[in-house]
């Protein structure tokens, strides 16, 4: 009996108290369990044009070309018009190829490794604002949520984990330090984020918002750094692909005028909210377009979107009136994080799909941050049996759906079959 009690006590000590190191260990372990099957998937979809048939990335001697030219090509034929400029994505593919050749396992390993590292960095960010238990919980949701599964499983989406890695690292540095050297280092990281994907501009924006809300005395200084970073990126991008690059519309929504695209905004926002709450039906491509105003695809989504916005505003007012300013500022920061991420993907500038699960990879952090603030403010006790039970059920359901999703990327036929059932 005494030996059994000792074993139970040792097991309890391993889980409690929850330290930063333990939390990171759990994130890595859970991430490996959920995504392990994805390591054995082959090259699918755009993986072929970007890696298998892209001879340029198959030589590290082409590194300068990644930054100075539009290098996505298949033989001599350039693809995606002239709008492709993601030099660090090409560089990462080139390095992986240099060490492992056309080994899909290696490419998946790099991507899933970066995906899990990003979750650890998000946890470290949340830990600065919330209790460790809350930071750990919302980070686990970020890790296993099925809406993020494409980012971890589709090699062509390595650009997502890359831009996020450099961006979140820069922001993490800015939250901990405010020195000249850190500002320079963070600026370089944000430039790398832009070089990974154009969406890196979101981290440039959220970094400015963070400095304005929490470190206002450094605001003008940081804006000058941000402008410098953006100008460098813009100059290199224009040099590589031109000021107005030629692009061939490939998605149905790209072929419609601005007014028609705006009609789809309520449905677009509703898609992301619905998929965040109920991530059952997932696809790699969504090409629907609504060309008219009706109750089902415009007014109903619009009402739900406005209701969601009203809830966000309501809690902001509650925090402003009844709680210390710290939580109000933090709530506004994460609300702006979410809104900024959504705004970029509302088809004001036409994109190559109507919606995409990977485009929620940035905004979801804002939603989780809002949840974290409300958990802190209303003193949600994560040790309560009811709260703990509900939390475990949610995490198990999300993890199971994500694990099942790993099978969809096995090969082109399986992925196409999965997509055809949804999109």
Protein backbone atom coordinates (compact mmCIF):
# COMPACT_ATOMS: atom_id res chain seq x y z
CA UNK A 1 0.00 0.00 0.00
CA UNK A 2 2.83 2.35 0.88
CA UNK A 3 4.56 1.61 -2.44
CA UNK A 4 1.34 2.35 -4.36
CA UNK A 5 0.92 5.71 -2.61
CA UNK A 6 4.51 6.61 -3.46
CA UNK A 7 3.85 5.86 -7.14
CA UNK A 8 0.70 7.99 -7.15
CA UNK A 9 2.54 10.84 -5.45
CA UNK A 10 5.41 10.68 -7.95
CA UNK A 11 2.95 10.74 -10.86
CA UNK A 12 1.15 13.74 -9.34
CA UNK A 13 4.46 15.52 -8.86
CA UNK A 14 5.24 15.07 -12.55
CA UNK A 15 2.08 16.91 -13.55
CA UNK A 16 1.84 19.39 -10.66
CA UNK A 17 2.93 22.04 -10.24
CA UNK A 18 2.86 22.91 -13.92
CA UNK A 19 6.19 24.51 -14.79
CA UNK A 20 7.20 26.09 -18.07
CA UNK A 21 9.49 23.17 -18.91
CA UNK A 22 6.78 20.62 -18.15
CA UNK A 23 4.26 22.51 -20.28
CA UNK A 24 6.67 22.57 -23.24
CA UNK A 25 7.34 18.84 -22.80
CA UNK A 26 3.60 18.15 -22.88
CA UNK A 27 3.14 20.31 -25.98
CA UNK A 28 5.91 18.45 -27.81
CA UNK A 29 4.63 15.03 -26.72
CA UNK A 30 1.00 15.73 -27.66
CA UNK A 31 2.07 17.32 -30.94
CA UNK A 32 4.11 14.26 -31.90
CA UNK A 33 1.25 11.90 -31.03
CA UNK A 34 -1.35 13.86 -32.99
CA UNK A 35 0.77 14.54 -36.10
CA UNK A 36 3.04 11.47 -36.17
CA UNK A 37 0.98 9.78 -38.88
CA UNK A 38 1.44 12.84 -41.11
CA UNK A 39 5.15 12.12 -41.42
CA UNK A 40 4.41 9.22 -43.77
CA UNK A 41 2.27 11.15 -46.25
CA UNK A 42 3.66 11.71 -49.74
CA UNK A 43 3.95 14.83 -51.89
CA UNK A 44 0.49 16.07 -52.86
CA UNK A 45 -1.02 18.99 -54.78
CA UNK A 46 1.24 22.02 -54.97
CA UNK A 47 4.08 20.06 -53.36
CA UNK A 48 4.84 18.79 -56.86
CA UNK A 49 5.17 22.19 -58.54
CA UNK A 50 6.99 23.77 -55.62
CA UNK A 51 9.39 20.91 -54.83
CA UNK A 52 9.34 17.83 -57.05
CA UNK A 53 9.23 19.69 -60.39
CA UNK A 54 10.92 22.88 -59.18
CA UNK A 55 14.51 22.39 -60.29
CA UNK A 56 15.60 25.74 -58.90
CA UNK A 57 15.19 24.70 -55.25
CA UNK A 58 17.17 21.55 -55.94
CA UNK A 59 20.45 23.44 -55.79
CA UNK A 60 21.61 25.62 -52.90
CA UNK A 61 23.67 27.62 -55.39
CA UNK A 62 20.41 29.30 -56.40
CA UNK A 63 20.01 31.00 -53.01
CA UNK A 64 20.56 34.55 -54.41
CA UNK A 65 17.93 33.91 -57.08
CA UNK A 66 15.29 33.20 -54.44
CA UNK A 67 15.58 36.82 -53.26
CA UNK A 68 16.17 38.51 -56.60
CA UNK A 69 13.85 36.65 -58.99
CA UNK A 70 10.48 34.93 -59.20
CA UNK A 71 11.79 31.43 -58.79
CA UNK A 72 8.72 29.19 -58.72
CA UNK A 73 9.03 27.32 -61.97
CA UNK A 74 8.60 23.94 -63.56
CA UNK A 75 11.43 23.46 -66.03
CA UNK A 76 11.42 26.68 -68.03
CA UNK A 77 7.76 27.46 -67.46
CA UNK A 78 6.95 29.89 -64.67
CA UNK A 79 3.82 29.20 -62.68
CA UNK A 80 1.33 31.36 -60.78
CA UNK A 81 1.94 34.28 -63.10
CA UNK A 82 4.60 36.64 -61.78
CA UNK A 83 3.27 37.19 -58.27
CA UNK A 84 5.26 34.54 -56.43
CA UNK A 85 7.83 35.95 -54.01
CA UNK A 86 8.57 33.82 -50.95
CA UNK A 87 12.37 33.55 -50.93
CA UNK A 88 12.75 32.00 -47.48
CA UNK A 89 10.22 29.30 -48.35
CA UNK A 90 12.32 28.39 -51.38
CA UNK A 91 15.45 28.57 -49.25
CA UNK A 92 14.00 26.17 -46.67
CA UNK A 93 12.98 23.72 -49.40
CA UNK A 94 16.44 23.99 -50.93
CA UNK A 95 18.18 23.25 -47.63
CA UNK A 96 15.95 20.28 -46.93
CA UNK A 97 16.56 18.94 -50.43
CA UNK A 98 20.33 19.44 -50.06
CA UNK A 99 20.41 17.19 -46.98
CA UNK A 100 17.69 14.64 -47.77
CA UNK A 101 16.80 14.86 -51.47
CA UNK A 102 13.18 14.29 -52.51
CA UNK A 103 12.34 12.58 -49.23
CA UNK A 104 8.77 13.48 -48.26
CA UNK A 105 9.39 12.25 -44.69
CA UNK A 106 12.13 14.88 -44.22
CA UNK A 107 9.98 17.70 -45.60
CA UNK A 108 7.10 16.72 -43.32
CA UNK A 109 9.46 16.44 -40.35
CA UNK A 110 10.76 19.99 -40.84
CA UNK A 111 7.23 21.35 -41.17
CA UNK A 112 5.77 19.54 -38.15
CA UNK A 113 8.83 20.45 -36.08
CA UNK A 114 8.33 24.15 -36.86
CA UNK A 115 4.60 23.82 -36.20
CA UNK A 116 5.23 22.44 -32.69
CA UNK A 117 7.95 25.03 -32.01
CA UNK A 118 5.45 27.77 -32.90
CA UNK A 119 3.01 26.39 -30.33
CA UNK A 120 5.76 26.52 -27.70
CA UNK A 121 6.46 30.15 -28.62
CA UNK A 122 2.75 31.00 -28.41
CA UNK A 123 2.70 29.41 -24.95
CA UNK A 124 5.66 31.56 -23.88
CA UNK A 125 3.82 34.63 -25.18
CA UNK A 126 0.57 33.76 -23.40
CA UNK A 127 2.50 32.93 -20.21
CA UNK A 128 3.54 36.57 -19.94
CA UNK A 129 -0.11 37.62 -19.68
CA UNK A 130 -1.96 34.66 -18.11
CA UNK A 131 -1.54 32.04 -15.42
CA UNK A 132 0.48 29.06 -16.66
CA UNK A 133 -2.56 26.79 -16.61
CA UNK A 134 -4.58 29.11 -18.83
CA UNK A 135 -1.62 29.77 -21.14
CA UNK A 136 -1.08 26.02 -21.43
CA UNK A 137 -4.75 25.31 -22.15
CA UNK A 138 -5.18 27.86 -24.95
CA UNK A 139 -1.82 26.80 -26.42
CA UNK A 140 -3.01 23.18 -26.54
CA UNK A 141 -6.11 24.30 -28.42
CA UNK A 142 -3.81 26.11 -30.87
CA UNK A 143 -1.78 22.89 -31.21
CA UNK A 144 -4.56 20.38 -31.86
CA UNK A 145 -7.32 22.47 -33.44
CA UNK A 146 -8.28 20.91 -36.80
CA UNK A 147 -8.48 24.29 -38.54
CA UNK A 148 -4.68 24.43 -38.20
CA UNK A 149 -4.11 20.87 -39.43
CA UNK A 150 -3.43 21.90 -43.04
CA UNK A 151 -0.60 24.14 -41.84
CA UNK A 152 1.12 21.14 -40.26
CA UNK A 153 0.36 18.52 -42.93
CA UNK A 154 0.56 20.18 -46.37
CA UNK A 155 4.20 20.74 -47.31
CA UNK A 156 3.29 23.58 -49.68
CA UNK A 157 2.02 25.41 -46.59
CA UNK A 158 5.46 25.47 -44.95
CA UNK A 159 5.30 29.20 -45.70
CA UNK A 160 2.70 29.46 -42.92
CA UNK A 161 4.87 27.98 -40.17
CA UNK A 162 7.86 29.97 -41.41
CA UNK A 163 6.23 33.41 -41.44
CA UNK A 164 4.62 32.65 -38.08
CA UNK A 165 7.89 31.43 -36.52
CA UNK A 166 9.82 34.58 -37.37
CA UNK A 167 6.89 36.86 -36.53
CA UNK A 168 6.01 35.35 -33.16
CA UNK A 169 9.71 35.26 -32.18
CA UNK A 170 10.03 38.97 -32.98
CA UNK A 171 6.91 39.80 -30.97
CA UNK A 172 8.06 37.68 -28.05
CA UNK A 173 11.33 39.60 -27.96
CA UNK A 174 9.50 42.94 -28.03
CA UNK A 175 7.33 41.92 -25.07
CA UNK A 176 10.37 41.05 -22.95
CA UNK A 177 12.94 43.64 -23.91
CA UNK A 178 13.06 47.22 -25.20
CA UNK A 179 16.62 47.97 -26.24
CA UNK A 180 18.24 49.17 -29.44
CA UNK A 181 19.77 45.75 -30.14
CA UNK A 182 16.47 43.96 -29.57
CA UNK A 183 14.67 46.38 -31.87
CA UNK A 184 17.22 45.67 -34.61
CA UNK A 185 17.02 41.91 -34.08
CA UNK A 186 13.21 41.95 -34.02
CA UNK A 187 13.20 44.02 -37.22
CA UNK A 188 15.36 41.44 -38.97
CA UNK A 189 13.03 38.67 -37.81
CA UNK A 190 10.01 40.57 -39.14
CA UNK A 191 11.80 41.00 -42.47
CA UNK A 192 12.34 37.22 -42.50
CA UNK A 193 8.64 36.78 -41.79
CA UNK A 194 7.81 38.87 -44.86
CA UNK A 195 10.35 36.91 -46.91
CA UNK A 196 8.54 33.72 -45.88
CA UNK A 197 5.11 34.98 -46.93
CA UNK A 198 3.46 38.32 -47.61
CA UNK A 199 1.18 37.67 -44.62
CA UNK A 200 4.18 38.51 -42.44
CA UNK A 201 2.89 42.07 -42.71
CA UNK A 202 0.35 41.05 -40.03
CA UNK A 203 3.15 40.65 -37.50
CA UNK A 204 4.54 44.01 -38.55
CA UNK A 205 1.11 45.48 -37.78
CA UNK A 206 0.53 43.64 -34.51
CA UNK A 207 4.01 44.60 -33.28
CA UNK A 208 3.16 48.28 -33.87
CA UNK A 209 -0.16 47.79 -32.03
CA UNK A 210 1.61 46.11 -29.11
CA UNK A 211 4.16 48.91 -28.76
CA UNK A 212 1.42 51.54 -28.98
CA UNK A 213 -0.73 49.91 -26.27
CA UNK A 214 1.93 48.71 -23.83
CA UNK A 215 5.21 50.56 -24.58
CA UNK A 216 4.03 53.86 -26.00
CA UNK A 217 7.23 55.77 -25.27
CA UNK A 218 8.97 53.58 -27.88
CA UNK A 219 6.20 53.96 -30.44
CA UNK A 220 7.78 56.45 -32.86
CA UNK A 221 11.10 54.68 -32.66
CA UNK A 222 9.53 51.32 -33.47
CA UNK A 223 7.44 52.78 -36.31
CA UNK A 224 10.65 54.00 -37.92
CA UNK A 225 12.12 50.50 -37.70
CA UNK A 226 8.92 49.01 -39.15
CA UNK A 227 8.87 51.42 -42.09
CA UNK A 228 12.52 50.61 -42.80
CA UNK A 229 11.77 46.87 -42.80
CA UNK A 230 8.80 47.28 -45.10
CA UNK A 231 10.73 49.49 -47.55
CA UNK A 232 13.56 46.94 -47.80
CA UNK A 233 11.08 44.15 -48.42
CA UNK A 234 9.14 46.18 -50.97
CA UNK A 235 12.27 47.14 -52.91
CA UNK A 236 13.48 43.55 -53.15
CA UNK A 237 10.02 42.32 -54.06
CA UNK A 238 9.63 44.91 -56.84
CA UNK A 239 13.10 44.05 -58.12
CA UNK A 240 12.17 40.36 -58.26
CA UNK A 241 8.66 40.40 -59.70
CA UNK A 242 7.98 44.00 -60.72
CA UNK A 243 5.70 46.70 -59.34
CA UNK A 244 2.53 45.30 -60.91
CA UNK A 245 3.31 41.62 -61.52
CA UNK A 246 1.30 39.77 -64.12
CA UNK A 247 -0.98 37.16 -62.59
CA UNK A 248 -3.52 34.85 -64.12
CA UNK A 249 -6.77 34.51 -62.10
CA UNK A 250 -7.07 30.88 -61.05
CA UNK A 251 -9.89 31.07 -58.50
CA UNK A 252 -13.52 31.87 -59.37
CA UNK A 253 -13.65 34.73 -56.86
CA UNK A 254 -10.64 36.41 -58.51
CA UNK A 255 -12.69 36.86 -61.67
CA UNK A 256 -15.44 38.91 -60.00
CA UNK A 257 -15.50 42.64 -59.36
CA UNK A 258 -15.04 44.23 -55.94
CA UNK A 259 -18.77 44.56 -55.22
CA UNK A 260 -19.39 40.85 -55.79
CA UNK A 261 -16.44 39.96 -53.58
CA UNK A 262 -17.77 42.24 -50.84
CA UNK A 263 -21.12 40.43 -50.96
CA UNK A 264 -19.24 37.31 -49.80
CA UNK A 265 -17.70 38.93 -46.71
CA UNK A 266 -20.45 37.88 -44.24
CA UNK A 267 -20.20 34.26 -45.44
CA UNK A 268 -16.40 34.38 -45.27
CA UNK A 269 -16.34 35.58 -41.66
CA UNK A 270 -19.05 33.08 -40.74
CA UNK A 271 -16.99 30.27 -42.28
CA UNK A 272 -14.07 30.95 -39.96
CA UNK A 273 -16.25 31.32 -36.84
CA UNK A 274 -18.20 28.16 -37.66
CA UNK A 275 -15.06 26.14 -38.41
CA UNK A 276 -13.40 27.33 -35.21
CA UNK A 277 -16.36 26.22 -33.11
CA UNK A 278 -17.34 23.12 -35.08
CA UNK A 279 -14.35 21.91 -37.18
CA UNK A 280 -15.90 18.77 -38.63
CA UNK A 281 -15.94 19.32 -42.39
CA UNK A 282 -12.52 20.34 -43.67
CA UNK A 283 -11.09 20.76 -47.17
CA UNK A 284 -7.92 21.94 -48.82
CA UNK A 285 -9.72 24.23 -51.25
CA UNK A 286 -12.89 26.31 -51.08
CA UNK A 287 -13.97 27.97 -54.34
CA UNK A 288 -17.60 28.92 -53.66
CA UNK A 289 -18.80 32.39 -54.64
CA UNK A 290 -22.19 33.99 -54.01
CA UNK A 291 -23.10 36.53 -56.67
CA UNK A 292 -26.32 37.81 -55.11
CA UNK A 293 -27.78 38.88 -51.78
CA UNK A 294 -30.07 36.33 -50.15
CA UNK A 295 -31.16 35.24 -46.69
CA UNK A 296 -29.06 32.08 -46.46
CA UNK A 297 -25.70 33.30 -47.72
CA UNK A 298 -25.78 36.98 -46.80
CA UNK A 299 -28.29 38.08 -44.16
CA UNK A 300 -28.03 35.06 -41.85
CA UNK A 301 -24.20 35.08 -41.80
CA UNK A 302 -24.29 38.87 -41.41
CA UNK A 303 -26.54 38.63 -38.33
CA UNK A 304 -24.27 35.99 -36.75
CA UNK A 305 -21.13 38.00 -37.55
CA UNK A 306 -22.64 41.16 -36.03
CA UNK A 307 -23.73 39.19 -32.97
CA UNK A 308 -20.18 37.92 -32.52
CA UNK A 309 -18.84 41.46 -32.92
CA UNK A 310 -21.39 42.70 -30.37
CA UNK A 311 -20.19 40.08 -27.88
CA UNK A 312 -16.59 41.22 -28.34
CA UNK A 313 -17.62 44.85 -27.80
CA UNK A 314 -19.79 43.93 -24.79
CA UNK A 315 -16.92 42.24 -22.94
CA UNK A 316 -14.64 45.14 -23.82
CA UNK A 317 -17.11 47.53 -22.17
CA UNK A 318 -17.42 45.26 -19.12
CA UNK A 319 -13.65 45.13 -18.71
CA UNK A 320 -13.35 48.88 -19.16
CA UNK A 321 -15.95 49.65 -16.49
CA UNK A 322 -15.40 46.99 -13.86
CA UNK A 323 -11.87 45.68 -14.04
CA UNK A 324 -8.34 47.03 -13.93
CA UNK A 325 -7.05 48.66 -17.09
CA UNK A 326 -4.44 45.94 -17.59
CA UNK A 327 -7.02 43.38 -18.70
CA UNK A 328 -8.87 45.88 -20.86
CA UNK A 329 -5.68 46.74 -22.75
CA UNK A 330 -4.82 43.08 -23.14
CA UNK A 331 -8.31 42.28 -24.38
CA UNK A 332 -8.15 45.08 -26.96
CA UNK A 333 -4.73 43.83 -28.09
CA UNK A 334 -5.98 40.31 -28.81
CA UNK A 335 -9.26 41.54 -30.30
CA UNK A 336 -7.26 43.68 -32.75
CA UNK A 337 -5.02 40.67 -33.43
CA UNK A 338 -8.08 38.66 -34.49
CA UNK A 339 -9.68 41.48 -36.50
CA UNK A 340 -6.43 42.36 -38.27
CA UNK A 341 -5.92 38.73 -39.33
CA UNK A 342 -9.49 38.40 -40.60
CA UNK A 343 -9.42 41.74 -42.43
CA UNK A 344 -6.52 40.70 -44.64
CA UNK A 345 -8.47 37.70 -45.96
CA UNK A 346 -11.85 39.26 -46.75
CA UNK A 347 -11.26 39.37 -50.54
CA UNK A 348 -10.94 43.14 -50.73
CA UNK A 349 -7.75 42.16 -52.51
CA UNK A 350 -8.69 39.02 -54.50
CA UNK A 351 -7.03 35.82 -53.30
CA UNK A 352 -6.58 32.39 -54.87
CA UNK A 353 -9.41 30.83 -52.84
CA UNK A 354 -12.58 32.17 -51.30
CA UNK A 355 -11.54 30.96 -47.85
CA UNK A 356 -8.75 28.73 -46.57
CA UNK A 357 -8.26 27.06 -43.23
CA UNK A 358 -4.59 28.06 -43.23
CA UNK A 359 -5.58 31.74 -43.33
CA UNK A 360 -6.96 31.40 -39.80
CA UNK A 361 -3.54 30.39 -38.43
CA UNK A 362 -2.81 33.98 -37.41
CA UNK A 363 -6.32 35.15 -36.33
CA UNK A 364 -6.90 32.11 -34.10
CA UNK A 365 -4.22 33.38 -31.70
CA UNK A 366 -6.34 36.51 -31.22
CA UNK A 367 -9.42 34.43 -30.40
CA UNK A 368 -7.46 32.27 -27.95
CA UNK A 369 -5.98 35.39 -26.39
CA UNK A 370 -9.49 36.79 -25.84
CA UNK A 371 -10.49 33.50 -24.18
CA UNK A 372 -7.40 33.66 -21.99
CA UNK A 373 -8.20 37.20 -20.84
CA UNK A 374 -11.79 36.27 -19.96
CA UNK A 375 -10.61 33.17 -18.07
CA UNK A 376 -8.27 35.38 -16.05
CA UNK A 377 -10.83 38.10 -15.38
CA UNK A 378 -13.62 35.77 -14.32
CA UNK A 379 -11.26 33.55 -12.29
CA UNK A 380 -12.07 30.30 -14.10
CA UNK A 381 -10.78 27.50 -11.89
CA UNK A 382 -9.11 24.97 -14.18
CA UNK A 383 -8.75 22.56 -11.25
CA UNK A 384 -12.52 22.24 -10.91
CA UNK A 385 -13.65 18.72 -11.86
CA UNK A 386 -16.34 20.08 -14.17
CA UNK A 387 -14.01 22.52 -15.93
CA UNK A 388 -11.26 19.91 -16.15
CA UNK A 389 -13.65 17.30 -17.53
CA UNK A 390 -15.10 19.62 -20.18
CA UNK A 391 -11.61 20.78 -21.15
CA UNK A 392 -10.35 17.22 -21.58
CA UNK A 393 -13.36 16.26 -23.69
CA UNK A 394 -12.87 19.28 -25.97
CA UNK A 395 -9.15 18.61 -26.38
CA UNK A 396 -9.72 14.90 -27.08
CA UNK A 397 -12.38 15.67 -29.71
CA UNK A 398 -10.18 18.28 -31.41
CA UNK A 399 -7.13 15.99 -31.32
CA UNK A 400 -9.10 13.06 -32.73
CA UNK A 401 -10.44 15.13 -35.64
CA UNK A 402 -6.93 16.41 -36.38
CA UNK A 403 -5.44 12.91 -36.22
CA UNK A 404 -8.08 11.65 -38.65
CA UNK A 405 -7.25 14.61 -40.91
CA UNK A 406 -3.65 13.37 -41.20
CA UNK A 407 -4.88 10.49 -43.37
CA UNK A 408 -6.41 12.88 -45.94
CA UNK A 409 -2.95 14.02 -47.08
CA UNK A 410 -1.70 10.49 -47.81
CA UNK A 411 -1.74 10.99 -51.60
CA UNK A 412 -3.40 13.10 -54.31
CA UNK A 413 -6.35 10.78 -54.77
CA UNK A 414 -7.14 10.63 -51.05
CA UNK A 415 -6.86 14.42 -50.71
CA UNK A 416 -9.05 15.05 -53.77
CA UNK A 417 -11.65 12.60 -52.47
CA UNK A 418 -11.69 14.33 -49.08
CA UNK A 419 -12.00 17.78 -50.66
CA UNK A 420 -14.84 16.72 -52.96
CA UNK A 421 -16.98 15.75 -49.98
CA UNK A 422 -16.78 19.25 -48.47
CA UNK A 423 -15.84 22.11 -50.81
